Amino acid sequence: MRLPYTDNPPKNLSQQDEEVLKRVLVRRGEKGLIPLDLTLLHSPNVTDGWNSLLGAIRTRTALPAAIREIAICRPALINEAWFEWNAHAPILLAADGFTEAKLSVVQQLHPKSQGDLSDQEWAVLVYADEMTRNVKVSEETFGKLRSVGFGEKDVVEITATVASYNMVSRFLVALDVGEQNGLKPDWAGKS
């Protein structure tokens, strides 16, 4: 970690900052504060906005868990945000109908085929990769999202998820939150 973590829980907070902390703790539940929170809490106002945005992305979209978690895991993989990957790959694997064979495709840095992924899962993977690597998404890739049945709401939620987790991964890597930057898994980066 490039910055010290705040105390857990942070001390000597103003009333306003205590309210921010309470909102974060509600979202985290029994798990309590994680290293990301203990970094963000250096700036309670940023923490509050972050908590609201990521809470909406994680719990208030209509996306199936597998679609949401592919949109989260691909930026983590491409940006080598292992703290994020290690938090979300198990959630992806636990998603209804998701298998180790499907995860093996998501783990590939440059997958050449969709393998066992459904057409929707593959379309999200390709879209997330283009957003993460190029920012601009080709008409072909965008059109594929639509052709596999995603409507306007879905596209907004997928795009917001990929964009948000690009933000998360860049924050985690820049500050080495969780001290996992140097812990690249053996399988990572394979085509």
C-alpha atoms as a PDB file:
ATOM      1  CA  MET A   1       0.000   0.000   0.000  1.00  0.00           C
ATOM      2  CA  ARG A   2       1.342   3.372  -0.930  1.00  0.00           C
ATOM      3  CA  LEU A   3      -0.659   5.195   1.745  1.00  0.00           C
ATOM      4  CA  PRO A   4      -1.326   4.110   5.308  1.00  0.00           C
ATOM      5  CA  TYR A   5      -4.800   2.734   5.860  1.00  0.00           C
ATOM      6  CA  THR A   6      -7.087   4.679   8.162  1.00  0.00           C
ATOM      7  CA  ASP A   7      -7.791   3.181  11.561  1.00  0.00           C
ATOM      8  CA  ASN A   8     -10.426   0.481  11.506  1.00  0.00           C
ATOM      9  CA  PRO A   9     -12.790   2.057  12.296  1.00  0.00           C
ATOM     10  CA  PRO A  10     -11.556   5.587  11.634  1.00  0.00           C
ATOM     11  CA  LYS A  11     -11.369   7.809  14.712  1.00  0.00           C
ATOM     12  CA  ASN A  12     -12.200  11.456  15.425  1.00  0.00           C
ATOM     13  CA  LEU A  13     -14.665  11.819  12.578  1.00  0.00           C
ATOM     14  CA  SER A  14     -17.022  14.751  12.252  1.00  0.00           C
ATOM     15  CA  GLN A  15     -20.755  14.010  12.497  1.00  0.00           C
ATOM     16  CA  GLN A  16     -21.020  14.230   8.699  1.00  0.00           C
ATOM     17  CA  ASP A  17     -18.115  11.826   8.227  1.00  0.00           C
ATOM     18  CA  GLU A  18     -19.608   9.433  10.812  1.00  0.00           C
ATOM     19  CA  GLU A  19     -22.724   9.301   8.628  1.00  0.00           C
ATOM     20  CA  VAL A  20     -20.553   8.396   5.624  1.00  0.00           C
ATOM     21  CA  LEU A  21     -18.901   5.634   7.633  1.00  0.00           C
ATOM     22  CA  LYS A  22     -22.304   4.276   8.688  1.00  0.00           C
ATOM     23  CA  ARG A  23     -23.435   4.117   5.045  1.00  0.00           C
ATOM     24  CA  VAL A  24     -20.288   2.222   4.061  1.00  0.00           C
ATOM     25  CA  LEU A  25     -20.734  -0.202   6.951  1.00  0.00           C
ATOM     26  CA  VAL A  26     -24.358  -0.829   5.963  1.00  0.00           C
ATOM     27  CA  ARG A  27     -23.296  -1.661   2.404  1.00  0.00           C
ATOM     28  CA  ARG A  28     -20.462  -3.925   3.558  1.00  0.00           C
ATOM     29  CA  GLY A  29     -22.564  -5.786   6.104  1.00  0.00           C
ATOM     30  CA  GLU A  30     -20.941  -8.463   8.246  1.00  0.00           C
ATOM     31  CA  LYS A  31     -17.732  -8.298   6.209  1.00  0.00           C
ATOM     32  CA  GLY A  32     -16.965  -4.886   7.685  1.00  0.00           C
ATOM     33  CA  LEU A  33     -14.493  -2.428   6.212  1.00  0.00           C
ATOM     34  CA  ILE A  34     -12.099  -3.762   3.584  1.00  0.00           C
ATOM     35  CA  PRO A  35      -8.717  -2.291   2.578  1.00  0.00           C
ATOM     36  CA  LEU A  36     -10.383  -0.304  -0.213  1.00  0.00           C
ATOM     37  CA  ASP A  37     -12.668   1.399   2.323  1.00  0.00           C
ATOM     38  CA  LEU A  38      -9.745   2.073   4.671  1.00  0.00           C
ATOM     39  CA  THR A  39      -7.987   3.833   1.812  1.00  0.00           C
ATOM     40  CA  LEU A  40     -10.983   5.787   0.551  1.00  0.00           C
ATOM     41  CA  LEU A  41     -11.873   6.977   4.055  1.00  0.00           C
ATOM     42  CA  HIS A  42      -8.939   9.384   3.933  1.00  0.00           C
ATOM     43  CA  SER A  43     -11.476  11.427   1.941  1.00  0.00           C
ATOM     44  CA  PRO A  44     -14.961  10.826   3.361  1.00  0.00           C
ATOM     45  CA  ASN A  45     -16.671  12.878   0.632  1.00  0.00           C
ATOM     46  CA  VAL A  46     -15.079  10.764  -2.095  1.00  0.00           C
ATOM     47  CA  THR A  47     -15.929   7.653  -0.060  1.00  0.00           C
ATOM     48  CA  ASP A  48     -19.579   8.681   0.091  1.00  0.00           C
ATOM     49  CA  GLY A  49     -19.864   9.151  -3.679  1.00  0.00           C
ATOM     50  CA  TRP A  50     -17.919   5.958  -4.340  1.00  0.00           C
ATOM     51  CA  ASN A  51     -20.115   3.989  -1.950  1.00  0.00           C
ATOM     52  CA  SER A  52     -23.270   5.283  -3.602  1.00  0.00           C
ATOM     53  CA  LEU A  53     -22.090   4.582  -7.159  1.00  0.00           C
ATOM     54  CA  LEU A  54     -20.649   1.142  -6.485  1.00  0.00           C
ATOM     55  CA  GLY A  55     -23.613   0.204  -4.314  1.00  0.00           C
ATOM     56  CA  ALA A  56     -25.908   0.965  -7.248  1.00  0.00           C
ATOM     57  CA  ILE A  57     -23.725  -0.948  -9.707  1.00  0.00           C
ATOM     58  CA  ARG A  58     -23.425  -3.997  -7.451  1.00  0.00           C
ATOM     59  CA  THR A  59     -26.931  -4.224  -6.028  1.00  0.00           C
ATOM     60  CA  ARG A  60     -29.421  -2.110  -7.933  1.00  0.00           C
ATOM     61  CA  THR A  61     -29.016  -3.077 -11.574  1.00  0.00           C
ATOM     62  CA  ALA A  62     -31.170  -5.693 -13.261  1.00  0.00           C
ATOM     63  CA  LEU A  63     -28.185  -7.541 -14.736  1.00  0.00           C
ATOM     64  CA  PRO A  64     -27.845 -11.253 -14.027  1.00  0.00           C
ATOM     65  CA  ALA A  65     -24.922 -11.946 -11.687  1.00  0.00           C
ATOM     66  CA  ALA A  66     -22.792 -13.619 -14.371  1.00  0.00           C
ATOM     67  CA  ILE A  67     -23.161 -10.686 -16.771  1.00  0.00           C
ATOM     68  CA  ARG A  68     -22.386  -8.153 -14.017  1.00  0.00           C
ATOM     69  CA  GLU A  69     -19.371 -10.085 -12.778  1.00  0.00           C
ATOM     70  CA  ILE A  70     -17.893 -10.583 -16.263  1.00  0.00           C
ATOM     71  CA  ALA A  71     -18.162  -6.801 -16.686  1.00  0.00           C
ATOM     72  CA  ILE A  72     -16.246  -6.450 -13.400  1.00  0.00           C
ATOM     73  CA  CYS A  73     -13.675  -9.227 -13.848  1.00  0.00           C
ATOM     74  CA  ARG A  74     -12.497  -8.266 -17.335  1.00  0.00           C
ATOM     75  CA  PRO A  75     -11.206  -4.806 -16.306  1.00  0.00           C
ATOM     76  CA  ALA A  76      -9.627  -6.451 -13.252  1.00  0.00           C
ATOM     77  CA  LEU A  77      -7.792  -8.956 -15.443  1.00  0.00           C
ATOM     78  CA  ILE A  78      -6.713  -6.514 -18.150  1.00  0.00           C
ATOM     79  CA  ASN A  79      -5.592  -3.870 -15.623  1.00  0.00           C
ATOM     80  CA  GLU A  80      -3.973  -6.498 -13.362  1.00  0.00           C
ATOM     81  CA  ALA A  81      -6.066  -5.427 -10.395  1.00  0.00           C
ATOM     82  CA  TRP A  82      -5.648  -8.672  -8.487  1.00  0.00           C
ATOM     83  CA  PHE A  83      -7.379  -7.382  -5.347  1.00  0.00           C
ATOM     84  CA  GLU A  84     -10.474  -6.799  -7.492  1.00  0.00           C
ATOM     85  CA  TRP A  85     -10.105 -10.087  -9.357  1.00  0.00           C
ATOM     86  CA  ASN A  86      -9.733 -12.060  -6.126  1.00  0.00           C
ATOM     87  CA  ALA A  87     -12.872 -10.431  -4.721  1.00  0.00           C
ATOM     88  CA  HIS A  88     -15.050 -10.913  -7.813  1.00  0.00           C
ATOM     89  CA  ALA A  89     -13.951 -14.149  -9.534  1.00  0.00           C
ATOM     90  CA  PRO A  90     -15.521 -16.245  -6.734  1.00  0.00           C
ATOM     91  CA  ILE A  91     -18.768 -14.261  -7.094  1.00  0.00           C
ATOM     92  CA  LEU A  92     -18.701 -14.931 -10.837  1.00  0.00           C
ATOM     93  CA  LEU A  93     -18.070 -18.629 -10.306  1.00  0.00           C
ATOM     94  CA  ALA A  94     -20.967 -18.769  -7.823  1.00  0.00           C
ATOM     95  CA  ALA A  95     -23.372 -17.176 -10.332  1.00  0.00           C
ATOM     96  CA  ASP A  96     -26.226 -19.382 -11.438  1.00  0.00           C
ATOM     97  CA  GLY A  97     -25.076 -21.652 -14.270  1.00  0.00           C
ATOM     98  CA  PHE A  98     -21.478 -20.428 -14.275  1.00  0.00           C
ATOM     99  CA  THR A  99     -18.799 -23.114 -14.476  1.00  0.00           C
ATOM    100  CA  GLU A 100     -15.045 -23.541 -14.224  1.00  0.00           C
ATOM    101  CA  ALA A 101     -14.992 -23.986 -18.018  1.00  0.00           C
ATOM    102  CA  LYS A 102     -16.654 -20.596 -18.449  1.00  0.00           C
ATOM    103  CA  LEU A 103     -14.274 -19.035 -15.924  1.00  0.00           C
ATOM    104  CA  SER A 104     -11.319 -20.408 -17.896  1.00  0.00           C
ATOM    105  CA  VAL A 105     -12.431 -18.256 -20.855  1.00  0.00           C
ATOM    106  CA  VAL A 106     -12.884 -15.160 -18.671  1.00  0.00           C
ATOM    107  CA  GLN A 107      -9.356 -15.736 -17.285  1.00  0.00           C
ATOM    108  CA  GLN A 108      -7.748 -15.543 -20.723  1.00  0.00           C
ATOM    109  CA  LEU A 109      -6.197 -12.184 -21.546  1.00  0.00           C
ATOM    110  CA  HIS A 110      -7.004 -12.557 -25.258  1.00  0.00           C
ATOM    111  CA  PRO A 111      -9.562 -15.355 -25.658  1.00  0.00           C
ATOM    112  CA  LYS A 112      -9.829 -16.551 -29.228  1.00  0.00           C
ATOM    113  CA  SER A 113     -13.259 -18.147 -28.870  1.00  0.00           C
ATOM    114  CA  GLN A 114     -16.196 -17.973 -26.538  1.00  0.00           C
ATOM    115  CA  GLY A 115     -15.799 -21.579 -25.413  1.00  0.00           C
ATOM    116  CA  ASP A 116     -18.683 -22.447 -23.070  1.00  0.00           C
ATOM    117  CA  LEU A 117     -19.799 -18.831 -22.585  1.00  0.00           C
ATOM    118  CA  SER A 118     -23.305 -18.005 -23.756  1.00  0.00           C
ATOM    119  CA  ASP A 119     -23.671 -15.518 -26.599  1.00  0.00           C
ATOM    120  CA  GLN A 120     -24.648 -12.812 -24.080  1.00  0.00           C
ATOM    121  CA  GLU A 121     -21.693 -13.581 -21.792  1.00  0.00           C
ATOM    122  CA  TRP A 122     -19.304 -13.502 -24.759  1.00  0.00           C
ATOM    123  CA  ALA A 123     -20.749 -10.219 -26.054  1.00  0.00           C
ATOM    124  CA  VAL A 124     -20.213  -8.617 -22.616  1.00  0.00           C
ATOM    125  CA  LEU A 125     -16.659  -9.955 -22.418  1.00  0.00           C
ATOM    126  CA  VAL A 126     -15.752  -8.509 -25.835  1.00  0.00           C
ATOM    127  CA  TYR A 127     -17.466  -5.195 -25.012  1.00  0.00           C
ATOM    128  CA  ALA A 128     -15.691  -4.931 -21.636  1.00  0.00           C
ATOM    129  CA  ASP A 129     -12.360  -5.667 -23.299  1.00  0.00           C
ATOM    130  CA  GLU A 130     -12.814  -2.952 -25.923  1.00  0.00           C
ATOM    131  CA  MET A 131     -13.971  -0.412 -23.335  1.00  0.00           C
ATOM    132  CA  THR A 132     -10.999  -1.228 -21.117  1.00  0.00           C
ATOM    133  CA  ARG A 133      -8.297  -1.394 -23.769  1.00  0.00           C
ATOM    134  CA  ASN A 134      -9.486   1.178 -26.315  1.00  0.00           C
ATOM    135  CA  VAL A 135     -12.183   3.256 -24.586  1.00  0.00           C
ATOM    136  CA  LYS A 136     -13.923   3.527 -27.970  1.00  0.00           C
ATOM    137  CA  VAL A 137     -16.103   0.567 -28.878  1.00  0.00           C
ATOM    138  CA  SER A 138     -16.558  -0.500 -32.486  1.00  0.00           C
ATOM    139  CA  GLU A 139     -20.001  -0.501 -34.078  1.00  0.00           C
ATOM    140  CA  GLU A 140     -19.618  -4.246 -34.593  1.00  0.00           C
ATOM    141  CA  THR A 141     -19.008  -4.897 -30.894  1.00  0.00           C
ATOM    142  CA  PHE A 142     -21.815  -2.568 -29.846  1.00  0.00           C
ATOM    143  CA  GLY A 143     -24.141  -4.173 -32.371  1.00  0.00           C
ATOM    144  CA  LYS A 144     -23.353  -7.604 -30.950  1.00  0.00           C
ATOM    145  CA  LEU A 145     -24.665  -6.501 -27.533  1.00  0.00           C
ATOM    146  CA  ARG A 146     -27.933  -5.544 -29.175  1.00  0.00           C
ATOM    147  CA  SER A 147     -28.133  -8.640 -31.390  1.00  0.00           C
ATOM    148  CA  VAL A 148     -27.910 -11.006 -28.405  1.00  0.00           C
ATOM    149  CA  GLY A 149     -30.924  -9.379 -26.782  1.00  0.00           C
ATOM    150  CA  PHE A 150     -29.661  -6.605 -24.544  1.00  0.00           C
ATOM    151  CA  GLY A 151     -32.025  -3.614 -24.406  1.00  0.00           C
ATOM    152  CA  GLU A 152     -31.220   0.017 -23.667  1.00  0.00           C
ATOM    153  CA  LYS A 153     -31.357  -0.407 -19.884  1.00  0.00           C
ATOM    154  CA  ASP A 154     -29.075  -3.445 -20.074  1.00  0.00           C
ATOM    155  CA  VAL A 155     -26.561  -1.623 -22.267  1.00  0.00           C
ATOM    156  CA  VAL A 156     -26.463   1.350 -19.894  1.00  0.00           C
ATOM    157  CA  GLU A 157     -26.000  -0.950 -16.897  1.00  0.00           C
ATOM    158  CA  ILE A 158     -23.292  -3.038 -18.607  1.00  0.00           C
ATOM    159  CA  THR A 159     -21.458   0.095 -19.747  1.00  0.00           C
ATOM    160  CA  ALA A 160     -21.702   1.717 -16.309  1.00  0.00           C
ATOM    161  CA  THR A 161     -20.422  -1.476 -14.674  1.00  0.00           C
ATOM    162  CA  VAL A 162     -17.395  -1.767 -16.958  1.00  0.00           C
ATOM    163  CA  ALA A 163     -16.634   1.948 -16.612  1.00  0.00           C
ATOM    164  CA  SER A 164     -17.018   1.895 -12.826  1.00  0.00           C
ATOM    165  CA  TYR A 165     -14.768  -1.113 -12.401  1.00  0.00           C
ATOM    166  CA  ASN A 166     -12.150   0.416 -14.657  1.00  0.00           C
ATOM    167  CA  MET A 167     -12.164   3.282 -12.135  1.00  0.00           C
ATOM    168  CA  VAL A 168     -11.943   0.814  -9.248  1.00  0.00           C
ATOM    169  CA  SER A 169      -9.128  -1.201 -10.812  1.00  0.00           C
ATOM    170  CA  ARG A 170      -7.060   1.868 -11.623  1.00  0.00           C
ATOM    171  CA  PHE A 171      -7.465   3.161  -8.044  1.00  0.00           C
ATOM    172  CA  LEU A 172      -6.511  -0.212  -6.568  1.00  0.00           C
ATOM    173  CA  VAL A 173      -3.450  -0.629  -8.779  1.00  0.00           C
ATOM    174  CA  ALA A 174      -2.180   2.954  -8.483  1.00  0.00           C
ATOM    175  CA  LEU A 175      -2.242   2.775  -4.672  1.00  0.00           C
ATOM    176  CA  ASP A 176      -1.538  -0.992  -4.387  1.00  0.00           C
ATOM    177  CA  VAL A 177      -4.578  -1.404  -2.177  1.00  0.00           C
ATOM    178  CA  GLY A 178      -4.509  -4.799  -0.502  1.00  0.00           C
ATOM    179  CA  GLU A 179      -0.833  -5.217  -1.463  1.00  0.00           C
ATOM    180  CA  GLN A 180      -1.702  -7.544  -4.347  1.00  0.00           C
ATOM    181  CA  ASN A 181      -0.083  -5.788  -7.326  1.00  0.00           C
ATOM    182  CA  GLY A 182       2.863  -8.181  -7.307  1.00  0.00           C
ATOM    183  CA  LEU A 183       0.711 -11.296  -6.833  1.00  0.00           C
ATOM    184  CA  LYS A 184      -0.187 -12.112 -10.427  1.00  0.00           C
ATOM    185  CA  PRO A 185      -1.737 -15.590 -10.580  1.00  0.00           C
ATOM    186  CA  ASP A 186       0.129 -18.244 -12.585  1.00  0.00           C
ATOM    187  CA  TRP A 187      -2.751 -18.543 -15.056  1.00  0.00           C
ATOM    188  CA  ALA A 188      -3.040 -14.751 -15.650  1.00  0.00           C
ATOM    189  CA  GLY A 189      -2.106 -13.284 -18.972  1.00  0.00           C
ATOM    190  CA  LYS A 190      -2.340 -16.495 -20.951  1.00  0.00           C
ATOM    191  CA  SER A 191      -4.033 -16.171 -24.312  1.00  0.00           C
END
